[in-house]
Amino acid sequence: MTDREMAQSIGIDTNRIFILAFSLGVFLAALGGALATPTSGIAPGLGADTMVLAFAVAAIGGLGQIEGAAVASLIVGLARVLAIYLAPSLDAVAPYAAMLIVLLIRPYGLFGSVTARRI
């Protein structure tokens, strides 16, 4: 939390920044949901396939890593497209096979790291 204290010491209102960041995150999540809805169709499991693919992307890239999410989304997309061309019956499984391979090699994802925090 030293970064927060440093920001406060130079006059930045950290509470306002946290509220702004949270509001922006909620807005972008709502926008993503609104844009994904037409592709998902209107059904009881609305967007479940998109959420599971998002989990695969987050696991491959490393939790909390924006760069990892960008690279992982390319990996998941390529895995799915290659599966469609090579074995169409496995296109739903290919992203999770890629996730399994990456997590066996790097358990914290491509850009994830083990961090120890002292309490």
PDB file of N, CA and C in Angstrom:
ATOM      1  N   MET A   1       0.809  -1.200   0.000  1.00  0.00           N
ATOM      2  CA  MET A   1       0.000   0.000   0.000  1.00  0.00           C
ATOM      3  C   MET A   1       0.850   1.262   0.000  1.00  0.00           C
ATOM      4  N   THR A   2       2.146   1.151  -0.165  1.00  0.00           N
ATOM      5  CA  THR A   2       2.979   2.343  -0.162  1.00  0.00           C
ATOM      6  C   THR A   2       2.685   3.227  -1.367  1.00  0.00           C
ATOM      7  N   ASP A   3       2.255   2.646  -2.477  1.00  0.00           N
ATOM      8  CA  ASP A   3       1.916   3.457  -3.641  1.00  0.00           C
ATOM      9  C   ASP A   3       0.722   4.353  -3.338  1.00  0.00           C
ATOM     10  N   ARG A   4      -0.235   3.839  -2.605  1.00  0.00           N
ATOM     11  CA  ARG A   4      -1.401   4.640  -2.234  1.00  0.00           C
ATOM     12  C   ARG A   4      -0.977   5.785  -1.312  1.00  0.00           C
ATOM     13  N   GLU A   5      -0.118   5.471  -0.365  1.00  0.00           N
ATOM     14  CA  GLU A   5       0.358   6.513   0.537  1.00  0.00           C
ATOM     15  C   GLU A   5       1.167   7.560  -0.210  1.00  0.00           C
ATOM     16  N   MET A   6       1.966   7.126  -1.164  1.00  0.00           N
ATOM     17  CA  MET A   6       2.761   8.061  -1.958  1.00  0.00           C
ATOM     18  C   MET A   6       1.854   8.974  -2.782  1.00  0.00           C
ATOM     19  N   ALA A   7       0.825   8.385  -3.382  1.00  0.00           N
ATOM     20  CA  ALA A   7      -0.106   9.192  -4.168  1.00  0.00           C
ATOM     21  C   ALA A   7      -0.829  10.202  -3.279  1.00  0.00           C
ATOM     22  N   GLN A   8      -1.226   9.790  -2.094  1.00  0.00           N
ATOM     23  CA  GLN A   8      -1.891  10.709  -1.171  1.00  0.00           C
ATOM     24  C   GLN A   8      -0.954  11.822  -0.729  1.00  0.00           C
ATOM     25  N   SER A   9       0.319  11.504  -0.585  1.00  0.00           N
ATOM     26  CA  SER A   9       1.267  12.509  -0.112  1.00  0.00           C
ATOM     27  C   SER A   9       1.501  13.620  -1.134  1.00  0.00           C
ATOM     28  N   ILE A  10       1.262  13.333  -2.413  1.00  0.00           N
ATOM     29  CA  ILE A  10       1.431  14.388  -3.421  1.00  0.00           C
ATOM     30  C   ILE A  10       0.096  15.007  -3.823  1.00  0.00           C
ATOM     31  N   GLY A  11      -0.965  14.682  -3.093  1.00  0.00           N
ATOM     32  CA  GLY A  11      -2.237  15.366  -3.277  1.00  0.00           C
ATOM     33  C   GLY A  11      -3.250  14.681  -4.167  1.00  0.00           C
ATOM     34  N   ILE A  12      -3.044  13.425  -4.517  1.00  0.00           N
ATOM     35  CA  ILE A  12      -4.015  12.713  -5.350  1.00  0.00           C
ATOM     36  C   ILE A  12      -5.084  12.113  -4.447  1.00  0.00           C
ATOM     37  N   ASP A  13      -6.335  12.321  -4.822  1.00  0.00           N
ATOM     38  CA  ASP A  13      -7.454  11.769  -4.062  1.00  0.00           C
ATOM     39  C   ASP A  13      -7.628  10.301  -4.464  1.00  0.00           C
ATOM     40  N   THR A  14      -7.066   9.390  -3.672  1.00  0.00           N
ATOM     41  CA  THR A  14      -7.068   7.970  -4.039  1.00  0.00           C
ATOM     42  C   THR A  14      -8.467   7.364  -4.000  1.00  0.00           C
ATOM     43  N   ASN A  15      -9.326   7.844  -3.122  1.00  0.00           N
ATOM     44  CA  ASN A  15     -10.694   7.310  -3.088  1.00  0.00           C
ATOM     45  C   ASN A  15     -11.419   7.606  -4.398  1.00  0.00           C
ATOM     46  N   ARG A  16     -11.212   8.811  -4.927  1.00  0.00           N
ATOM     47  CA  ARG A  16     -11.836   9.167  -6.198  1.00  0.00           C
ATOM     48  C   ARG A  16     -11.278   8.303  -7.336  1.00  0.00           C
ATOM     49  N   ILE A  17      -9.986   8.027  -7.304  1.00  0.00           N
ATOM     50  CA  ILE A  17      -9.355   7.191  -8.340  1.00  0.00           C
ATOM     51  C   ILE A  17      -9.905   5.770  -8.271  1.00  0.00           C
ATOM     52  N   PHE A  18     -10.067   5.222  -7.067  1.00  0.00           N
ATOM     53  CA  PHE A  18     -10.630   3.878  -6.928  1.00  0.00           C
ATOM     54  C   PHE A  18     -12.057   3.819  -7.449  1.00  0.00           C
ATOM     55  N   ILE A  19     -12.850   4.829  -7.152  1.00  0.00           N
ATOM     56  CA  ILE A  19     -14.231   4.876  -7.636  1.00  0.00           C
ATOM     57  C   ILE A  19     -14.251   4.974  -9.159  1.00  0.00           C
ATOM     58  N   LEU A  20     -13.372   5.796  -9.718  1.00  0.00           N
ATOM     59  CA  LEU A  20     -13.299   5.928 -11.169  1.00  0.00           C
ATOM     60  C   LEU A  20     -12.878   4.620 -11.835  1.00  0.00           C
ATOM     61  N   ALA A  21     -11.883   3.943 -11.276  1.00  0.00           N
ATOM     62  CA  ALA A  21     -11.414   2.675 -11.847  1.00  0.00           C
ATOM     63  C   ALA A  21     -12.504   1.604 -11.756  1.00  0.00           C
ATOM     64  N   PHE A  22     -13.202   1.533 -10.639  1.00  0.00           N
ATOM     65  CA  PHE A  22     -14.275   0.553 -10.483  1.00  0.00           C
ATOM     66  C   PHE A  22     -15.408   0.849 -11.463  1.00  0.00           C
ATOM     67  N   SER A  23     -15.775   2.111 -11.593  1.00  0.00           N
ATOM     68  CA  SER A  23     -16.858   2.487 -12.517  1.00  0.00           C
ATOM     69  C   SER A  23     -16.490   2.160 -13.953  1.00  0.00           C
ATOM     70  N   LEU A  24     -15.247   2.436 -14.329  1.00  0.00           N
ATOM     71  CA  LEU A  24     -14.799   2.120 -15.678  1.00  0.00           C
ATOM     72  C   LEU A  24     -14.823   0.608 -15.920  1.00  0.00           C
ATOM     73  N   GLY A  25     -14.418  -0.171 -14.928  1.00  0.00           N
ATOM     74  CA  GLY A  25     -14.453  -1.627 -15.059  1.00  0.00           C
ATOM     75  C   GLY A  25     -15.871  -2.152 -15.221  1.00  0.00           C
ATOM     76  N   VAL A  26     -16.802  -1.614 -14.457  1.00  0.00           N
ATOM     77  CA  VAL A  26     -18.204  -2.027 -14.564  1.00  0.00           C
ATOM     78  C   VAL A  26     -18.764  -1.654 -15.931  1.00  0.00           C
ATOM     79  N   PHE A  27     -18.441  -0.462 -16.402  1.00  0.00           N
ATOM     80  CA  PHE A  27     -18.917  -0.031 -17.711  1.00  0.00           C
ATOM     81  C   PHE A  27     -18.392  -0.944 -18.812  1.00  0.00           C
ATOM     82  N   LEU A  28     -17.097  -1.259 -18.767  1.00  0.00           N
ATOM     83  CA  LEU A  28     -16.525  -2.119 -19.803  1.00  0.00           C
ATOM     84  C   LEU A  28     -17.076  -3.539 -19.735  1.00  0.00           C
ATOM     85  N   ALA A  29     -17.348  -4.037 -18.531  1.00  0.00           N
ATOM     86  CA  ALA A  29     -17.950  -5.369 -18.401  1.00  0.00           C
ATOM     87  C   ALA A  29     -19.363  -5.375 -18.985  1.00  0.00           C
ATOM     88  N   ALA A  30     -20.129  -4.318 -18.720  1.00  0.00           N
ATOM     89  CA  ALA A  30     -21.484  -4.225 -19.274  1.00  0.00           C
ATOM     90  C   ALA A  30     -21.441  -4.103 -20.791  1.00  0.00           C
ATOM     91  N   LEU A  31     -20.495  -3.327 -21.297  1.00  0.00           N
ATOM     92  CA  LEU A  31     -20.357  -3.187 -22.748  1.00  0.00           C
ATOM     93  C   LEU A  31     -19.973  -4.520 -23.390  1.00  0.00           C
ATOM     94  N   GLY A  32     -19.061  -5.242 -22.771  1.00  0.00           N
ATOM     95  CA  GLY A  32     -18.682  -6.558 -23.286  1.00  0.00           C
ATOM     96  C   GLY A  32     -19.854  -7.522 -23.282  1.00  0.00           C
ATOM     97  N   GLY A  33     -20.652  -7.486 -22.224  1.00  0.00           N
ATOM     98  CA  GLY A  33     -21.835  -8.338 -22.169  1.00  0.00           C
ATOM     99  C   GLY A  33     -22.853  -7.973 -23.234  1.00  0.00           C
ATOM    100  N   ALA A  34     -23.026  -6.675 -23.443  1.00  0.00           N
ATOM    101  CA  ALA A  34     -23.982  -6.235 -24.463  1.00  0.00           C
ATOM    102  C   ALA A  34     -23.515  -6.617 -25.859  1.00  0.00           C
ATOM    103  N   LEU A  35     -22.209  -6.559 -26.099  1.00  0.00           N
ATOM    104  CA  LEU A  35     -21.699  -6.925 -27.415  1.00  0.00           C
ATOM    105  C   LEU A  35     -21.678  -8.437 -27.635  1.00  0.00           C
ATOM    106  N   ALA A  36     -21.547  -9.217 -26.564  1.00  0.00           N
ATOM    107  CA  ALA A  36     -21.507 -10.667 -26.702  1.00  0.00           C
ATOM    108  C   ALA A  36     -22.902 -11.283 -26.765  1.00  0.00           C
ATOM    109  N   THR A  37     -23.919 -10.566 -26.329  1.00  0.00           N
ATOM    110  CA  THR A  37     -25.269 -11.114 -26.275  1.00  0.00           C
ATOM    111  C   THR A  37     -25.812 -11.526 -27.641  1.00  0.00           C
ATOM    112  N   PRO A  38     -25.675 -10.729 -28.696  1.00  0.00           N
ATOM    113  CA  PRO A  38     -26.230 -11.167 -29.984  1.00  0.00           C
ATOM    114  C   PRO A  38     -25.601 -12.450 -30.512  1.00  0.00           C
ATOM    115  N   THR A  39     -24.349 -12.713 -30.187  1.00  0.00           N
ATOM    116  CA  THR A  39     -23.714 -13.935 -30.669  1.00  0.00           C
ATOM    117  C   THR A  39     -24.105 -15.139 -29.841  1.00  0.00           C
ATOM    118  N   SER A  40     -24.537 -14.912 -28.609  1.00  0.00           N
ATOM    119  CA  SER A  40     -24.885 -16.021 -27.723  1.00  0.00           C
ATOM    120  C   SER A  40     -26.315 -16.491 -27.917  1.00  0.00           C
ATOM    121  N   GLY A  41     -27.171 -15.641 -28.411  1.00  0.00           N
ATOM    122  CA  GLY A  41     -28.574 -15.988 -28.556  1.00  0.00           C
ATOM    123  C   GLY A  41     -29.305 -15.781 -27.230  1.00  0.00           C
ATOM    124  N   ILE A  42     -30.592 -15.842 -27.265  1.00  0.00           N
ATOM    125  CA  ILE A  42     -31.382 -15.680 -26.059  1.00  0.00           C
ATOM    126  C   ILE A  42     -31.727 -17.076 -25.555  1.00  0.00           C
ATOM    127  N   ALA A  43     -31.095 -17.480 -24.489  1.00  0.00           N
ATOM    128  CA  ALA A  43     -31.287 -18.827 -23.949  1.00  0.00           C
ATOM    129  C   ALA A  43     -30.984 -18.792 -22.452  1.00  0.00           C
ATOM    130  N   PRO A  44     -31.387 -19.820 -21.706  1.00  0.00           N
ATOM    131  CA  PRO A  44     -31.123 -19.837 -20.267  1.00  0.00           C
ATOM    132  C   PRO A  44     -29.635 -19.768 -19.912  1.00  0.00           C
ATOM    133  N   GLY A  45     -28.766 -20.318 -20.728  1.00  0.00           N
ATOM    134  CA  GLY A  45     -27.343 -20.300 -20.427  1.00  0.00           C
ATOM    135  C   GLY A  45     -26.631 -19.155 -21.130  1.00  0.00           C
ATOM    136  N   LEU A  46     -27.245 -17.984 -21.152  1.00  0.00           N
ATOM    137  CA  LEU A  46     -26.758 -16.848 -21.923  1.00  0.00           C
ATOM    138  C   LEU A  46     -25.312 -16.512 -21.590  1.00  0.00           C
ATOM    139  N   GLY A  47     -24.438 -16.678 -22.543  1.00  0.00           N
ATOM    140  CA  GLY A  47     -23.047 -16.290 -22.399  1.00  0.00           C
ATOM    141  C   GLY A  47     -22.184 -17.258 -21.624  1.00  0.00           C
ATOM    142  N   ALA A  48     -22.680 -18.440 -21.306  1.00  0.00           N
ATOM    143  CA  ALA A  48     -21.889 -19.387 -20.527  1.00  0.00           C
ATOM    144  C   ALA A  48     -20.648 -19.827 -21.302  1.00  0.00           C
ATOM    145  N   ASP A  49     -20.783 -20.048 -22.588  1.00  0.00           N
ATOM    146  CA  ASP A  49     -19.624 -20.456 -23.379  1.00  0.00           C
ATOM    147  C   ASP A  49     -18.575 -19.355 -23.444  1.00  0.00           C
ATOM    148  N   THR A  50     -19.015 -18.113 -23.504  1.00  0.00           N
ATOM    149  CA  THR A  50     -18.088 -16.986 -23.518  1.00  0.00           C
ATOM    150  C   THR A  50     -17.361 -16.866 -22.182  1.00  0.00           C
ATOM    151  N   MET A  51     -18.072 -17.075 -21.085  1.00  0.00           N
ATOM    152  CA  MET A  51     -17.438 -16.994 -19.760  1.00  0.00           C
ATOM    153  C   MET A  51     -16.408 -18.095 -19.558  1.00  0.00           C
ATOM    154  N   VAL A  52     -16.698 -19.280 -20.042  1.00  0.00           N
ATOM    155  CA  VAL A  52     -15.750 -20.385 -19.882  1.00  0.00           C
ATOM    156  C   VAL A  52     -14.515 -20.142 -20.743  1.00  0.00           C
ATOM    157  N   LEU A  53     -14.691 -19.605 -21.938  1.00  0.00           N
ATOM    158  CA  LEU A  53     -13.539 -19.253 -22.765  1.00  0.00           C
ATOM    159  C   LEU A  53     -12.727 -18.126 -22.116  1.00  0.00           C
ATOM    160  N   ALA A  54     -13.416 -17.192 -21.467  1.00  0.00           N
ATOM    161  CA  ALA A  54     -12.706 -16.118 -20.772  1.00  0.00           C
ATOM    162  C   ALA A  54     -11.882 -16.679 -19.615  1.00  0.00           C
ATOM    163  N   PHE A  55     -12.398 -17.712 -18.946  1.00  0.00           N
ATOM    164  CA  PHE A  55     -11.615 -18.357 -17.889  1.00  0.00           C
ATOM    165  C   PHE A  55     -10.355 -18.992 -18.464  1.00  0.00           C
ATOM    166  N   ALA A  56     -10.489 -19.637 -19.608  1.00  0.00           N
ATOM    167  CA  ALA A  56      -9.325 -20.252 -20.241  1.00  0.00           C
ATOM    168  C   ALA A  56      -8.290 -19.193 -20.608  1.00  0.00           C
ATOM    169  N   VAL A  57      -8.737 -18.058 -21.110  1.00  0.00           N
ATOM    170  CA  VAL A  57      -7.817 -16.972 -21.465  1.00  0.00           C
ATOM    171  C   VAL A  57      -7.124 -16.448 -20.210  1.00  0.00           C
ATOM    172  N   ALA A  58      -7.878 -16.245 -19.127  1.00  0.00           N
ATOM    173  CA  ALA A  58      -7.281 -15.735 -17.893  1.00  0.00           C
ATOM    174  C   ALA A  58      -6.289 -16.733 -17.305  1.00  0.00           C
ATOM    175  N   ALA A  59      -6.599 -18.007 -17.379  1.00  0.00           N
ATOM    176  CA  ALA A  59      -5.695 -19.020 -16.835  1.00  0.00           C
ATOM    177  C   ALA A  59      -4.421 -19.127 -17.661  1.00  0.00           C
ATOM    178  N   ILE A  60      -4.529 -19.056 -18.965  1.00  0.00           N
ATOM    179  CA  ILE A  60      -3.341 -19.143 -19.819  1.00  0.00           C
ATOM    180  C   ILE A  60      -2.463 -17.911 -19.643  1.00  0.00           C
ATOM    181  N   GLY A  61      -3.056 -16.737 -19.617  1.00  0.00           N
ATOM    182  CA  GLY A  61      -2.285 -15.508 -19.546  1.00  0.00           C
ATOM    183  C   GLY A  61      -1.711 -15.218 -18.179  1.00  0.00           C
ATOM    184  N   GLY A  62      -2.323 -15.730 -17.143  1.00  0.00           N
ATOM    185  CA  GLY A  62      -1.914 -15.411 -15.786  1.00  0.00           C
ATOM    186  C   GLY A  62      -2.938 -14.465 -15.188  1.00  0.00           C
ATOM    187  N   LEU A  63      -3.413 -14.777 -13.998  1.00  0.00           N
ATOM    188  CA  LEU A  63      -4.466 -13.970 -13.392  1.00  0.00           C
ATOM    189  C   LEU A  63      -3.975 -12.555 -13.125  1.00  0.00           C
ATOM    190  N   GLY A  64      -4.753 -11.583 -13.561  1.00  0.00           N
ATOM    191  CA  GLY A  64      -4.427 -10.187 -13.327  1.00  0.00           C
ATOM    192  C   GLY A  64      -3.404  -9.594 -14.268  1.00  0.00           C
ATOM    193  N   GLN A  65      -3.051 -10.279 -15.322  1.00  0.00           N
ATOM    194  CA  GLN A  65      -2.039  -9.789 -16.256  1.00  0.00           C
ATOM    195  C   GLN A  65      -2.694  -9.392 -17.572  1.00  0.00           C
ATOM    196  N   ILE A  66      -2.692  -8.107 -17.872  1.00  0.00           N
ATOM    197  CA  ILE A  66      -3.322  -7.613 -19.096  1.00  0.00           C
ATOM    198  C   ILE A  66      -2.568  -8.107 -20.330  1.00  0.00           C
ATOM    199  N   GLU A  67      -1.230  -8.057 -20.268  1.00  0.00           N
ATOM    200  CA  GLU A  67      -0.449  -8.524 -21.413  1.00  0.00           C
ATOM    201  C   GLU A  67      -0.705 -10.004 -21.660  1.00  0.00           C
ATOM    202  N   GLY A  68      -0.802 -10.756 -20.586  1.00  0.00           N
ATOM    203  CA  GLY A  68      -1.063 -12.185 -20.694  1.00  0.00           C
ATOM    204  C   GLY A  68      -2.417 -12.472 -21.310  1.00  0.00           C
ATOM    205  N   ALA A  69      -3.407 -11.652 -20.980  1.00  0.00           N
ATOM    206  CA  ALA A  69      -4.740 -11.845 -21.553  1.00  0.00           C
ATOM    207  C   ALA A  69      -4.723 -11.615 -23.054  1.00  0.00           C
ATOM    208  N   ALA A  70      -3.954 -10.633 -23.493  1.00  0.00           N
ATOM    209  CA  ALA A  70      -3.877 -10.353 -24.935  1.00  0.00           C
ATOM    210  C   ALA A  70      -3.222 -11.517 -25.680  1.00  0.00           C
ATOM    211  N   VAL A  71      -2.120 -12.011 -25.153  1.00  0.00           N
ATOM    212  CA  VAL A  71      -1.425 -13.130 -25.795  1.00  0.00           C
ATOM    213  C   VAL A  71      -2.272 -14.402 -25.710  1.00  0.00           C
ATOM    214  N   ALA A  72      -2.880 -14.631 -24.555  1.00  0.00           N
ATOM    215  CA  ALA A  72      -3.685 -15.843 -24.361  1.00  0.00           C
ATOM    216  C   ALA A  72      -4.915 -15.851 -25.260  1.00  0.00           C
ATOM    217  N   SER A  73      -5.511 -14.684 -25.508  1.00  0.00           N
ATOM    218  CA  SER A  73      -6.675 -14.661 -26.393  1.00  0.00           C
ATOM    219  C   SER A  73      -6.276 -15.042 -27.818  1.00  0.00           C
ATOM    220  N   LEU A  74      -5.080 -14.639 -28.227  1.00  0.00           N
ATOM    221  CA  LEU A  74      -4.597 -15.072 -29.539  1.00  0.00           C
ATOM    222  C   LEU A  74      -4.355 -16.579 -29.578  1.00  0.00           C
ATOM    223  N   ILE A  75      -3.794 -17.121 -28.488  1.00  0.00           N
ATOM    224  CA  ILE A  75      -3.542 -18.560 -28.419  1.00  0.00           C
ATOM    225  C   ILE A  75      -4.852 -19.344 -28.469  1.00  0.00           C
ATOM    226  N   VAL A  76      -5.831 -18.904 -27.701  1.00  0.00           N
ATOM    227  CA  VAL A  76      -7.128 -19.599 -27.678  1.00  0.00           C
ATOM    228  C   VAL A  76      -7.803 -19.503 -29.042  1.00  0.00           C
ATOM    229  N   GLY A  77      -7.763 -18.333 -29.663  1.00  0.00           N
ATOM    230  CA  GLY A  77      -8.362 -18.178 -30.986  1.00  0.00           C
ATOM    231  C   GLY A  77      -7.690 -19.050 -32.033  1.00  0.00           C
ATOM    232  N   LEU A  78      -6.363 -19.067 -32.027  1.00  0.00           N
ATOM    233  CA  LEU A  78      -5.636 -19.908 -32.980  1.00  0.00           C
ATOM    234  C   LEU A  78      -5.883 -21.392 -32.735  1.00  0.00           C
ATOM    235  N   ALA A  79      -5.934 -21.793 -31.459  1.00  0.00           N
ATOM    236  CA  ALA A  79      -6.202 -23.201 -31.147  1.00  0.00           C
ATOM    237  C   ALA A  79      -7.573 -23.620 -31.658  1.00  0.00           C
ATOM    238  N   ARG A  80      -8.543 -22.730 -31.494  1.00  0.00           N
ATOM    239  CA  ARG A  80      -9.895 -23.069 -31.936  1.00  0.00           C
ATOM    240  C   ARG A  80      -9.995 -23.125 -33.465  1.00  0.00           C
ATOM    241  N   VAL A  81      -9.355 -22.181 -34.143  1.00  0.00           N
ATOM    242  CA  VAL A  81      -9.394 -22.167 -35.613  1.00  0.00           C
ATOM    243  C   VAL A  81      -8.651 -23.370 -36.183  1.00  0.00           C
ATOM    244  N   LEU A  82      -7.493 -23.683 -35.615  1.00  0.00           N
ATOM    245  CA  LEU A  82      -6.762 -24.864 -36.088  1.00  0.00           C
ATOM    246  C   LEU A  82      -7.568 -26.140 -35.871  1.00  0.00           C
ATOM    247  N   ALA A  83      -8.257 -26.211 -34.744  1.00  0.00           N
ATOM    248  CA  ALA A  83      -9.083 -27.391 -34.480  1.00  0.00           C
ATOM    249  C   ALA A  83     -10.236 -27.485 -35.471  1.00  0.00           C
ATOM    250  N   ILE A  84     -10.793 -26.352 -35.861  1.00  0.00           N
ATOM    251  CA  ILE A  84     -11.890 -26.376 -36.833  1.00  0.00           C
ATOM    252  C   ILE A  84     -11.400 -26.929 -38.171  1.00  0.00           C
ATOM    253  N   TYR A  85     -10.185 -26.555 -38.568  1.00  0.00           N
ATOM    254  CA  TYR A  85      -9.651 -27.040 -39.849  1.00  0.00           C
ATOM    255  C   TYR A  85      -9.144 -28.474 -39.769  1.00  0.00           C
ATOM    256  N   LEU A  86      -8.522 -28.846 -38.662  1.00  0.00           N
ATOM    257  CA  LEU A  86      -7.919 -30.179 -38.566  1.00  0.00           C
ATOM    258  C   LEU A  86      -8.898 -31.246 -38.088  1.00  0.00           C
ATOM    259  N   ALA A  87      -9.673 -30.930 -37.066  1.00  0.00           N
ATOM    260  CA  ALA A  87     -10.625 -31.904 -36.523  1.00  0.00           C
ATOM    261  C   ALA A  87     -11.856 -31.142 -36.033  1.00  0.00           C
ATOM    262  N   PRO A  88     -12.833 -30.921 -36.900  1.00  0.00           N
ATOM    263  CA  PRO A  88     -13.997 -30.094 -36.541  1.00  0.00           C
ATOM    264  C   PRO A  88     -14.749 -30.563 -35.298  1.00  0.00           C
ATOM    265  N   SER A  89     -14.670 -31.830 -34.980  1.00  0.00           N
ATOM    266  CA  SER A  89     -15.390 -32.305 -33.801  1.00  0.00           C
ATOM    267  C   SER A  89     -14.698 -31.893 -32.498  1.00  0.00           C
ATOM    268  N   LEU A  90     -13.455 -31.431 -32.583  1.00  0.00           N
ATOM    269  CA  LEU A  90     -12.703 -31.053 -31.379  1.00  0.00           C
ATOM    270  C   LEU A  90     -12.565 -29.549 -31.200  1.00  0.00           C
ATOM    271  N   ASP A  91     -13.325 -28.758 -31.941  1.00  0.00           N
ATOM    272  CA  ASP A  91     -13.148 -27.309 -31.840  1.00  0.00           C
ATOM    273  C   ASP A  91     -13.532 -26.764 -30.472  1.00  0.00           C
ATOM    274  N   ALA A  92     -14.447 -27.408 -29.773  1.00  0.00           N
ATOM    275  CA  ALA A  92     -14.829 -26.933 -28.443  1.00  0.00           C
ATOM    276  C   ALA A  92     -13.802 -27.317 -27.384  1.00  0.00           C
ATOM    277  N   VAL A  93     -13.007 -28.331 -27.645  1.00  0.00           N
ATOM    278  CA  VAL A  93     -12.045 -28.844 -26.664  1.00  0.00           C
ATOM    279  C   VAL A  93     -10.669 -28.199 -26.820  1.00  0.00           C
ATOM    280  N   ALA A  94     -10.355 -27.705 -28.002  1.00  0.00           N
ATOM    281  CA  ALA A  94      -9.017 -27.203 -28.307  1.00  0.00           C
ATOM    282  C   ALA A  94      -8.533 -26.091 -27.363  1.00  0.00           C
ATOM    283  N   PRO A  95      -9.354 -25.088 -27.014  1.00  0.00           N
ATOM    284  CA  PRO A  95      -8.847 -24.061 -26.103  1.00  0.00           C
ATOM    285  C   PRO A  95      -8.459 -24.620 -24.734  1.00  0.00           C
ATOM    286  N   TYR A  96      -9.179 -25.622 -24.277  1.00  0.00           N
ATOM    287  CA  TYR A  96      -8.891 -26.199 -22.962  1.00  0.00           C
ATOM    288  C   TYR A  96      -7.681 -27.120 -23.022  1.00  0.00           C
ATOM    289  N   ALA A  97      -7.446 -27.730 -24.170  1.00  0.00           N
ATOM    290  CA  ALA A  97      -6.221 -28.505 -24.347  1.00  0.00           C
ATOM    291  C   ALA A  97      -5.020 -27.572 -24.349  1.00  0.00           C
ATOM    292  N   ALA A  98      -5.162 -26.402 -24.999  1.00  0.00           N
ATOM    293  CA  ALA A  98      -4.086 -25.406 -24.966  1.00  0.00           C
ATOM    294  C   ALA A  98      -3.857 -24.915 -23.548  1.00  0.00           C
ATOM    295  N   MET A  99      -4.944 -24.711 -22.799  1.00  0.00           N
ATOM    296  CA  MET A  99      -4.822 -24.283 -21.405  1.00  0.00           C
ATOM    297  C   MET A  99      -4.098 -25.339 -20.583  1.00  0.00           C
ATOM    298  N   LEU A 100      -4.429 -26.584 -20.786  1.00  0.00           N
ATOM    299  CA  LEU A 100      -3.787 -27.672 -20.052  1.00  0.00           C
ATOM    300  C   LEU A 100      -2.294 -27.730 -20.356  1.00  0.00           C
ATOM    301  N   ILE A 101      -1.938 -27.597 -21.610  1.00  0.00           N
ATOM    302  CA  ILE A 101      -0.517 -27.650 -21.994  1.00  0.00           C
ATOM    303  C   ILE A 101       0.253 -26.491 -21.365  1.00  0.00           C
ATOM    304  N   VAL A 102      -0.313 -25.282 -21.450  1.00  0.00           N
ATOM    305  CA  VAL A 102       0.379 -24.116 -20.878  1.00  0.00           C
ATOM    306  C   VAL A 102       0.503 -24.246 -19.366  1.00  0.00           C
ATOM    307  N   LEU A 103      -0.555 -24.684 -18.695  1.00  0.00           N
ATOM    308  CA  LEU A 103      -0.517 -24.771 -17.239  1.00  0.00           C
ATOM    309  C   LEU A 103       0.366 -25.912 -16.749  1.00  0.00           C
ATOM    310  N   LEU A 104       0.577 -26.932 -17.565  1.00  0.00           N
ATOM    311  CA  LEU A 104       1.532 -27.973 -17.185  1.00  0.00           C
ATOM    312  C   LEU A 104       2.968 -27.452 -17.248  1.00  0.00           C
ATOM    313  N   ILE A 105       3.232 -26.579 -18.209  1.00  0.00           N
ATOM    314  CA  ILE A 105       4.572 -26.021 -18.359  1.00  0.00           C
ATOM    315  C   ILE A 105       4.795 -24.858 -17.393  1.00  0.00           C
ATOM    316  N   ARG A 106       3.837 -23.943 -17.321  1.00  0.00           N
ATOM    317  CA  ARG A 106       3.940 -22.776 -16.433  1.00  0.00           C
ATOM    318  C   ARG A 106       2.669 -22.705 -15.587  1.00  0.00           C
ATOM    319  N   PRO A 107       2.699 -23.217 -14.362  1.00  0.00           N
ATOM    320  CA  PRO A 107       1.487 -23.325 -13.535  1.00  0.00           C
ATOM    321  C   PRO A 107       0.785 -22.001 -13.224  1.00  0.00           C
ATOM    322  N   TYR A 108       1.485 -20.879 -13.318  1.00  0.00           N
ATOM    323  CA  TYR A 108       0.863 -19.585 -13.022  1.00  0.00           C
ATOM    324  C   TYR A 108       0.500 -18.817 -14.288  1.00  0.00           C
ATOM    325  N   GLY A 109       0.532 -19.467 -15.437  1.00  0.00           N
ATOM    326  CA  GLY A 109       0.215 -18.818 -16.696  1.00  0.00           C
ATOM    327  C   GLY A 109       1.462 -18.269 -17.363  1.00  0.00           C
ATOM    328  N   LEU A 110       1.285 -17.747 -18.553  1.00  0.00           N
ATOM    329  CA  LEU A 110       2.427 -17.257 -19.319  1.00  0.00           C
ATOM    330  C   LEU A 110       3.101 -16.062 -18.661  1.00  0.00           C
ATOM    331  N   PHE A 111       2.325 -15.124 -18.150  1.00  0.00           N
ATOM    332  CA  PHE A 111       2.877 -13.915 -17.565  1.00  0.00           C
ATOM    333  C   PHE A 111       2.687 -13.857 -16.058  1.00  0.00           C
ATOM    334  N   GLY A 112       2.104 -14.888 -15.468  1.00  0.00           N
ATOM    335  CA  GLY A 112       1.899 -14.933 -14.031  1.00  0.00           C
ATOM    336  C   GLY A 112       3.178 -15.234 -13.285  1.00  0.00           C
ATOM    337  N   SER A 113       3.210 -14.851 -12.025  1.00  0.00           N
ATOM    338  CA  SER A 113       4.388 -15.117 -11.207  1.00  0.00           C
ATOM    339  C   SER A 113       3.964 -15.362  -9.772  1.00  0.00           C
ATOM    340  N   VAL A 114       4.819 -16.038  -9.047  1.00  0.00           N
ATOM    341  CA  VAL A 114       4.556 -16.286  -7.632  1.00  0.00           C
ATOM    342  C   VAL A 114       5.067 -15.072  -6.879  1.00  0.00           C
ATOM    343  N   THR A 115       4.187 -14.454  -6.123  1.00  0.00           N
ATOM    344  CA  THR A 115       4.597 -13.318  -5.319  1.00  0.00           C
ATOM    345  C   THR A 115       4.292 -13.613  -3.863  1.00  0.00           C
ATOM    346  N   ALA A 116       5.242 -13.363  -3.030  1.00  0.00           N
ATOM    347  CA  ALA A 116       5.042 -13.539  -1.598  1.00  0.00           C
ATOM    348  C   ALA A 116       4.846 -12.170  -0.979  1.00  0.00           C
ATOM    349  N   ARG A 117       3.757 -12.039  -0.239  1.00  0.00           N
ATOM    350  CA  ARG A 117       3.490 -10.769   0.422  1.00  0.00           C
ATOM    351  C   ARG A 117       3.610 -10.952   1.914  1.00  0.00           C
ATOM    352  N   ARG A 118       4.237 -10.029   2.529  1.00  0.00           N
ATOM    353  CA  ARG A 118       4.416 -10.076   3.980  1.00  0.00           C
ATOM    354  C   ARG A 118       3.261  -9.348   4.637  1.00  0.00           C
ATOM    355  N   ILE A 119       2.661  -9.997   5.601  1.00  0.00           N
ATOM    356  CA  ILE A 119       1.504  -9.386   6.277  1.00  0.00           C
ATOM    357  C   ILE A 119       1.922  -8.942   7.655  1.00  0.00           C
TER     358      ILE A 119
END
